[in-house]
Amino acid sequence: MSLLRLPCELLLLVAEFLETEEDINALSQVNRVLHAVINPYLYRFNAWNSESSALVWAAAHGVEDTAWISIREGAFPDAGDESGLTAMSIAAMNGHEEMVHLLLETGKVDLNAVDFELGRGPLGWAAGNGHAGVVQLLLESGLVDVNSSDSLFLTPLTLAAQSGDEAVVKVLLNTGKVDVNSKDVTGSTPLGWAAELGHETVARLLLETGQAEVNSKDSEAGRTPLSRAAENGHDFLVKLLIDTGEADVDTKDDSSRTPLSWAAENGHETVVRLLLETKQVNMDSRDHEGSSPLSWAARNGHAAVVKLLLESGRVDVDSKDLLGRTPLFQAVVNGHEMVTNLLLRTGQRMVNQL
């Protein structure tokens, strides 16, 4: 008797004697009739024996039909992978809005479930990966905490600020419930990260709330947003922070270094100029090594910055660090001829003083 002539019940019974998904799938692919009968059983088998991996796969790839059949045939909506990422988190991190919507409609997903490694939920994954539409869907559910944080104390807003995603930042700020000054494990705020990484528009959005603490210091090195922006040469952000009228332009971190010191070390001429124009910086501020901004610029051969500092007429060309090293000494031993000549031309330092 032909297999195709068997009643559906017997066909299913045959499928139940197969031990692997591969074999069941092969049987379902014989023809349309067998597919119609066996395919639903294949998904049930997957839900019972493979921890609903078909749903997890569908969530990762945004295949809604597969997800729908999986759920219909008994897949656990909160199924996850070996790292603890649920289908919802996987769909959220990949920006699959329709998949997120489908999972939400089941009413059986835990929107605050977190993975094993980072302890991050769907909202955090969506925010960190720049998926504003998914963030909006999750917030509209009313079942997520906009200020939830992962094991590194990174909130959705901090993650969005780190990645520089303006759309996500706007969506989160529009809730009116977000903590603009949340601190992660390093003590950094969203503004601190935006300043360090050069995300001007995000920084501007945060400042426009009127709630961002401009002089907040991190707990790793006591750095403010201005200090971090200055070190990395983000002149547009330095100007933005200075223009608030609230930034302490001469603030010292845990190493007694000022924004001017960091900018001088790294040769950021425009940033140095912006800081000098405030007339609120100590040109000869010394760090924990006794090094001045001029000394840092000379050590690294930043002739343009050295020239700018010298032209101010407010620097001590003969300043010595704790080891007695002057800016000229630093320039000479590091082989920076142009800087050496600039310092010698001041007439305030004799070669025999090296």
Protein backbone atom coordinates (compact mmCIF):
# COMPACT_ATOMS: atom_id res chain seq x y z
CA MET A 1 0.00 0.00 0.00
CA SER A 2 1.34 3.40 -0.96
CA LEU A 3 2.39 5.68 1.88
CA LEU A 4 0.34 8.45 0.33
CA ARG A 5 -2.86 6.42 0.76
CA LEU A 6 -2.47 6.21 4.54
CA PRO A 7 -4.82 8.28 6.70
CA CYS A 8 -3.33 11.43 8.25
CA GLU A 9 -3.37 9.80 11.70
CA LEU A 10 -1.15 6.98 10.47
CA LEU A 11 1.17 9.38 8.69
CA LEU A 12 1.64 11.25 11.97
CA LEU A 13 2.24 7.97 13.73
CA VAL A 14 4.99 7.21 11.23
CA ALA A 15 6.52 10.63 11.91
CA GLU A 16 6.45 9.96 15.64
CA PHE A 17 8.70 6.96 15.16
CA LEU A 18 11.37 9.22 13.63
CA GLU A 19 13.96 10.38 16.15
CA THR A 20 15.46 13.50 14.59
CA GLU A 21 14.18 16.75 13.17
CA GLU A 22 16.22 16.10 10.04
CA ASP A 23 14.33 12.85 9.37
CA ILE A 24 10.94 14.39 10.12
CA ASN A 25 11.74 17.32 7.86
CA ALA A 26 12.85 14.96 5.07
CA LEU A 27 9.53 13.13 5.29
CA SER A 28 7.60 16.40 5.17
CA GLN A 29 9.43 17.41 1.99
CA VAL A 30 8.30 14.38 -0.05
CA ASN A 31 5.24 16.16 -1.43
CA ARG A 32 2.64 18.77 -0.57
CA VAL A 33 0.30 16.37 1.18
CA LEU A 34 2.97 15.07 3.52
CA HIS A 35 4.20 18.61 4.12
CA ALA A 36 0.73 19.76 5.15
CA VAL A 37 0.39 16.86 7.58
CA ILE A 38 3.93 16.50 8.92
CA ASN A 39 5.21 20.08 9.03
CA PRO A 40 3.08 21.15 12.04
CA TYR A 41 4.31 18.05 13.87
CA LEU A 42 7.90 19.04 13.00
CA TYR A 43 7.40 22.36 14.83
CA ARG A 44 5.78 20.61 17.80
CA PHE A 45 8.73 18.22 17.92
CA ASN A 46 11.09 21.21 17.89
CA ALA A 47 9.20 22.86 20.73
CA TRP A 48 9.24 19.69 22.84
CA ASN A 49 12.73 18.43 22.11
CA SER A 50 14.84 21.36 20.93
CA GLU A 51 13.77 24.12 23.33
CA SER A 52 11.84 25.97 20.61
CA SER A 53 15.02 26.64 18.65
CA ALA A 54 12.97 27.26 15.50
CA LEU A 55 11.42 30.31 17.15
CA VAL A 56 14.82 31.56 18.26
CA TRP A 57 16.13 31.15 14.70
CA ALA A 58 13.12 32.98 13.31
CA ALA A 59 13.60 35.84 15.76
CA ALA A 60 17.24 36.22 14.73
CA HIS A 61 16.47 36.28 11.02
CA GLY A 62 13.14 38.11 11.11
CA VAL A 63 11.17 35.25 9.53
CA GLU A 64 7.69 35.93 10.83
CA ASP A 65 5.94 32.93 9.21
CA THR A 66 8.28 30.51 10.93
CA ALA A 67 7.83 32.30 14.25
CA TRP A 68 4.04 32.27 13.91
CA ILE A 69 3.89 28.53 13.13
CA SER A 70 6.31 27.78 15.96
CA ILE A 71 4.17 29.64 18.48
CA ARG A 72 0.97 28.08 17.12
CA GLU A 73 2.45 24.62 17.54
CA GLY A 74 3.50 25.19 21.13
CA ALA A 75 6.83 26.99 21.09
CA PHE A 76 7.65 28.80 24.33
CA PRO A 77 7.50 32.57 23.46
CA ASP A 78 10.35 33.27 25.89
CA ALA A 79 12.59 30.58 24.43
CA GLY A 80 16.25 31.54 24.33
CA ASP A 81 19.68 30.54 23.14
CA GLU A 82 22.60 29.16 25.14
CA SER A 83 23.62 32.68 26.30
CA GLY A 84 20.20 33.33 27.80
CA LEU A 85 19.08 35.73 25.08
CA THR A 86 15.34 35.32 24.61
CA ALA A 87 13.61 35.40 21.25
CA MET A 88 12.42 38.91 22.12
CA SER A 89 15.94 40.14 22.94
CA ILE A 90 17.28 38.59 19.75
CA ALA A 91 14.56 40.20 17.64
CA ALA A 92 15.09 43.53 19.42
CA MET A 93 18.86 43.60 18.95
CA ASN A 94 18.41 42.89 15.24
CA GLY A 95 15.73 45.52 14.76
CA HIS A 96 12.99 43.16 13.58
CA GLU A 97 9.96 45.32 14.42
CA GLU A 98 7.32 42.96 13.03
CA MET A 99 8.82 40.08 14.96
CA VAL A 100 8.79 42.12 18.15
CA HIS A 101 5.16 43.00 17.48
CA LEU A 102 4.28 39.33 16.90
CA LEU A 103 5.92 38.27 20.15
CA LEU A 104 4.24 41.08 22.06
CA GLU A 105 0.85 39.93 20.78
CA THR A 106 1.29 36.54 22.45
CA GLY A 107 1.07 38.29 25.81
CA LYS A 108 3.45 35.65 27.12
CA VAL A 109 6.87 37.28 26.85
CA ASP A 110 8.87 38.64 29.77
CA LEU A 111 10.12 41.99 28.52
CA ASN A 112 12.53 42.28 31.42
CA ALA A 113 14.25 38.91 30.89
CA VAL A 114 18.03 39.34 30.67
CA ASP A 115 20.87 37.31 29.20
CA PHE A 116 23.51 35.52 31.26
CA GLU A 117 26.56 37.50 30.13
CA LEU A 118 25.58 41.17 30.26
CA GLY A 119 22.29 40.99 32.12
CA ARG A 120 20.68 43.12 29.41
CA GLY A 121 17.02 43.08 28.42
CA PRO A 122 15.28 43.68 25.08
CA LEU A 123 15.05 47.46 25.57
CA GLY A 124 18.77 47.75 26.22
CA TRP A 125 19.64 45.64 23.20
CA ALA A 126 17.37 47.65 20.92
CA ALA A 127 18.66 50.99 22.23
CA GLY A 128 22.32 49.98 22.00
CA ASN A 129 21.92 48.82 18.42
CA GLY A 130 20.07 51.89 17.22
CA HIS A 131 16.62 50.45 16.60
CA ALA A 132 14.32 53.36 17.46
CA GLY A 133 11.20 51.63 16.12
CA VAL A 134 11.70 48.63 18.39
CA VAL A 135 12.45 50.91 21.35
CA GLN A 136 9.16 52.70 20.69
CA LEU A 137 7.21 49.42 20.51
CA LEU A 138 8.67 48.18 23.77
CA LEU A 139 7.98 51.46 25.56
CA GLU A 140 4.39 51.52 24.29
CA SER A 141 3.83 48.12 25.88
CA GLY A 142 4.13 49.77 29.27
CA LEU A 143 5.95 46.68 30.52
CA VAL A 144 9.55 47.87 30.39
CA ASP A 145 11.56 50.08 32.73
CA VAL A 146 13.10 52.91 30.71
CA ASN A 147 15.89 53.16 33.28
CA SER A 148 16.67 49.45 33.50
CA SER A 149 20.40 48.74 33.60
CA ASP A 150 22.56 45.75 32.75
CA SER A 151 25.41 44.21 34.75
CA LEU A 152 27.62 47.18 33.81
CA PHE A 153 24.91 49.60 34.97
CA LEU A 154 24.43 50.71 31.38
CA THR A 155 20.91 52.05 30.83
CA PRO A 156 19.19 52.23 27.44
CA LEU A 157 19.97 55.95 27.30
CA THR A 158 23.65 55.38 28.06
CA LEU A 159 23.86 52.67 25.41
CA ALA A 160 22.23 54.96 22.85
CA ALA A 161 24.56 57.81 23.82
CA GLN A 162 27.59 55.56 23.38
CA SER A 163 26.51 54.56 19.89
CA GLY A 164 25.52 58.12 19.01
CA ASP A 165 22.02 57.22 17.90
CA GLU A 166 20.02 60.44 17.90
CA ALA A 167 16.67 58.82 17.07
CA VAL A 168 16.82 56.40 20.00
CA VAL A 169 17.95 59.15 22.38
CA LYS A 170 14.96 61.27 21.30
CA VAL A 171 12.51 58.40 21.81
CA LEU A 172 13.85 57.75 25.30
CA LEU A 173 13.93 61.43 26.30
CA ASN A 174 10.36 61.89 25.04
CA THR A 175 9.12 59.51 27.72
CA GLY A 176 9.88 62.18 30.30
CA LYS A 177 10.89 59.40 32.66
CA VAL A 178 14.49 58.75 31.70
CA ASP A 179 17.32 59.45 34.14
CA VAL A 180 19.59 61.73 32.14
CA ASN A 181 22.36 61.43 34.72
CA SER A 182 22.39 57.67 35.24
CA LYS A 183 25.89 56.38 35.97
CA ASP A 184 27.40 53.14 34.72
CA VAL A 185 30.02 50.98 36.43
CA THR A 186 32.71 53.56 35.55
CA GLY A 187 30.64 56.41 36.95
CA SER A 188 30.14 57.81 33.46
CA THR A 189 26.91 59.53 32.44
CA PRO A 190 25.32 59.54 28.98
CA LEU A 191 26.73 63.05 28.46
CA GLY A 192 30.19 61.85 29.46
CA TRP A 193 30.13 59.13 26.82
CA ALA A 194 28.70 61.40 24.13
CA ALA A 195 31.45 63.93 24.86
CA GLU A 196 34.25 61.35 24.76
CA LEU A 197 33.04 59.67 21.59
CA GLY A 198 32.26 62.87 19.71
CA HIS A 199 28.50 62.56 19.40
CA GLU A 200 27.61 66.24 19.22
CA THR A 201 23.90 65.97 18.42
CA VAL A 202 23.34 63.47 21.24
CA ALA A 203 25.19 65.75 23.65
CA ARG A 204 23.07 68.67 22.51
CA LEU A 205 19.85 66.69 23.04
CA LEU A 206 20.95 65.77 26.56
CA LEU A 207 21.89 69.36 27.40
CA GLU A 208 18.58 70.66 26.03
CA THR A 209 16.73 68.70 28.72
CA GLY A 210 18.18 71.12 31.26
CA GLN A 211 18.86 68.14 33.51
CA ALA A 212 22.29 66.94 32.39
CA GLU A 213 25.04 67.52 34.95
CA VAL A 214 27.74 69.24 32.93
CA ASN A 215 30.46 68.79 35.56
CA SER A 216 29.68 65.22 36.58
CA LYS A 217 32.90 63.27 37.15
CA ASP A 218 33.38 59.58 36.46
CA SER A 219 34.58 57.30 39.22
CA GLU A 220 37.54 55.82 37.34
CA ALA A 221 39.61 58.96 36.90
CA GLY A 222 37.44 61.89 37.98
CA ARG A 223 36.97 63.06 34.39
CA THR A 224 34.21 65.47 33.35
CA PRO A 225 32.55 65.53 29.91
CA LEU A 226 34.66 68.59 29.01
CA SER A 227 37.87 66.82 30.01
CA ARG A 228 36.99 63.80 27.89
CA ALA A 229 35.99 65.90 24.89
CA ALA A 230 39.20 67.94 25.17
CA GLU A 231 41.43 64.86 25.31
CA ASN A 232 39.88 63.47 22.12
CA GLY A 233 39.96 66.74 20.20
CA HIS A 234 36.22 67.17 19.78
CA ASP A 235 36.37 70.95 19.43
CA PHE A 236 32.67 71.28 18.52
CA LEU A 237 31.74 69.50 21.75
CA VAL A 238 34.20 71.53 23.79
CA LYS A 239 32.57 74.69 22.46
CA LEU A 240 29.10 73.29 23.13
CA LEU A 241 29.98 72.55 26.75
CA ILE A 242 31.73 75.89 27.28
CA ASP A 243 28.74 77.73 25.81
CA THR A 244 26.46 76.28 28.49
CA GLY A 245 28.15 78.66 30.91
CA GLU A 246 28.13 75.87 33.47
CA ALA A 247 31.25 73.89 32.59
CA ASP A 248 34.24 74.21 34.91
CA VAL A 249 36.90 74.74 32.24
CA ASP A 250 39.78 74.37 34.70
CA THR A 251 38.52 71.30 36.53
CA LYS A 252 41.12 68.80 37.71
CA ASP A 253 40.75 65.03 37.53
CA ASP A 254 42.23 62.46 39.90
CA SER A 255 45.65 62.97 38.31
CA SER A 256 45.32 66.74 38.72
CA ARG A 257 45.06 67.14 34.97
CA THR A 258 42.88 69.83 33.43
CA PRO A 259 41.11 69.83 30.05
CA LEU A 260 43.92 72.12 28.80
CA SER A 261 46.52 69.58 29.89
CA TRP A 262 44.80 66.77 27.97
CA ALA A 263 44.30 68.88 24.86
CA ALA A 264 47.94 70.05 24.91
CA GLU A 265 49.28 66.51 25.31
CA ASN A 266 47.38 65.33 22.26
CA GLY A 267 48.05 68.33 20.08
CA HIS A 268 44.49 69.57 19.73
CA GLU A 269 45.20 73.16 18.75
CA THR A 270 41.59 74.26 18.26
CA VAL A 271 40.57 72.89 21.64
CA VAL A 272 43.50 74.63 23.31
CA ARG A 273 42.49 77.88 21.64
CA LEU A 274 38.87 77.52 22.79
CA LEU A 275 39.98 76.91 26.38
CA LEU A 276 42.39 79.85 26.34
CA GLU A 277 39.68 82.16 24.99
CA THR A 278 37.61 81.58 28.13
CA LYS A 279 40.39 83.28 30.16
CA GLN A 280 39.39 80.95 32.98
CA VAL A 281 42.19 78.40 32.71
CA ASN A 282 45.43 78.24 34.66
CA MET A 283 48.06 78.04 31.92
CA ASP A 284 50.65 76.61 34.30
CA SER A 285 48.43 74.14 36.13
CA ARG A 286 50.53 71.16 37.24
CA ASP A 287 49.41 67.55 37.33
CA HIS A 288 50.48 64.87 39.80
CA GLU A 289 53.84 64.59 37.98
CA GLY A 290 54.35 68.33 38.10
CA SER A 291 53.93 68.61 34.33
CA SER A 292 52.32 71.71 32.83
CA PRO A 293 50.32 71.86 29.59
CA LEU A 294 53.39 73.38 27.90
CA SER A 295 55.52 70.50 29.12
CA TRP A 296 53.06 67.93 27.71
CA ALA A 297 52.92 69.67 24.33
CA ALA A 298 56.72 69.93 24.19
CA ARG A 299 57.19 66.28 25.16
CA ASN A 300 55.01 65.13 22.27
CA GLY A 301 56.29 67.59 19.69
CA HIS A 302 53.09 69.56 19.14
CA ALA A 303 54.65 72.71 17.75
CA ALA A 304 51.36 74.48 16.94
CA VAL A 305 50.13 74.05 20.52
CA VAL A 306 53.49 75.12 21.97
CA LYS A 307 53.41 78.24 19.80
CA LEU A 308 49.87 79.03 20.89
CA LEU A 309 50.73 78.66 24.57
CA LEU A 310 53.85 80.78 24.22
CA GLU A 311 51.97 83.52 22.37
CA SER A 312 49.58 83.86 25.27
CA GLY A 313 52.43 85.29 27.33
CA ARG A 314 51.01 83.57 30.37
CA VAL A 315 53.11 80.40 30.59
CA ASP A 316 56.21 79.67 32.61
CA VAL A 317 58.66 78.46 29.98
CA ASP A 318 61.05 77.34 32.70
CA SER A 319 58.53 75.26 34.67
CA LYS A 320 59.94 72.04 36.10
CA ASP A 321 58.15 68.80 36.85
CA LEU A 322 58.83 66.70 39.94
CA LEU A 323 61.93 65.26 38.27
CA GLY A 324 63.26 68.71 37.39
CA ARG A 325 62.52 68.41 33.66
CA THR A 326 61.65 71.59 31.76
CA PRO A 327 59.64 71.86 28.53
CA LEU A 328 62.90 72.46 26.65
CA PHE A 329 64.42 69.34 28.15
CA GLN A 330 61.39 67.31 27.06
CA ALA A 331 61.59 68.69 23.53
CA VAL A 332 65.31 68.00 23.17
CA VAL A 333 65.40 64.46 24.57
CA ASN A 334 62.42 63.49 22.44
CA GLY A 335 63.97 64.92 19.30
CA HIS A 336 61.42 67.65 18.56
CA GLU A 337 63.58 70.23 16.79
CA MET A 338 60.81 72.66 15.87
CA VAL A 339 59.54 72.81 19.43
CA THR A 340 63.08 73.19 20.72
CA ASN A 341 63.62 76.20 18.47
CA LEU A 342 60.33 77.77 19.53
CA LEU A 343 61.28 77.50 23.19
CA LEU A 344 64.80 78.83 22.63
CA ARG A 345 63.45 81.86 20.80
CA THR A 346 61.58 83.00 23.87
CA GLY A 347 64.87 84.14 25.33
CA GLN A 348 63.87 82.82 28.70
CA ARG A 349 65.88 79.63 28.59
CA MET A 350 69.58 79.07 28.05
CA VAL A 351 70.90 75.94 26.43
CA ASN A 352 73.36 75.38 29.27
CA GLN A 353 70.44 74.93 31.65
CA LEU A 354 69.53 71.58 30.08
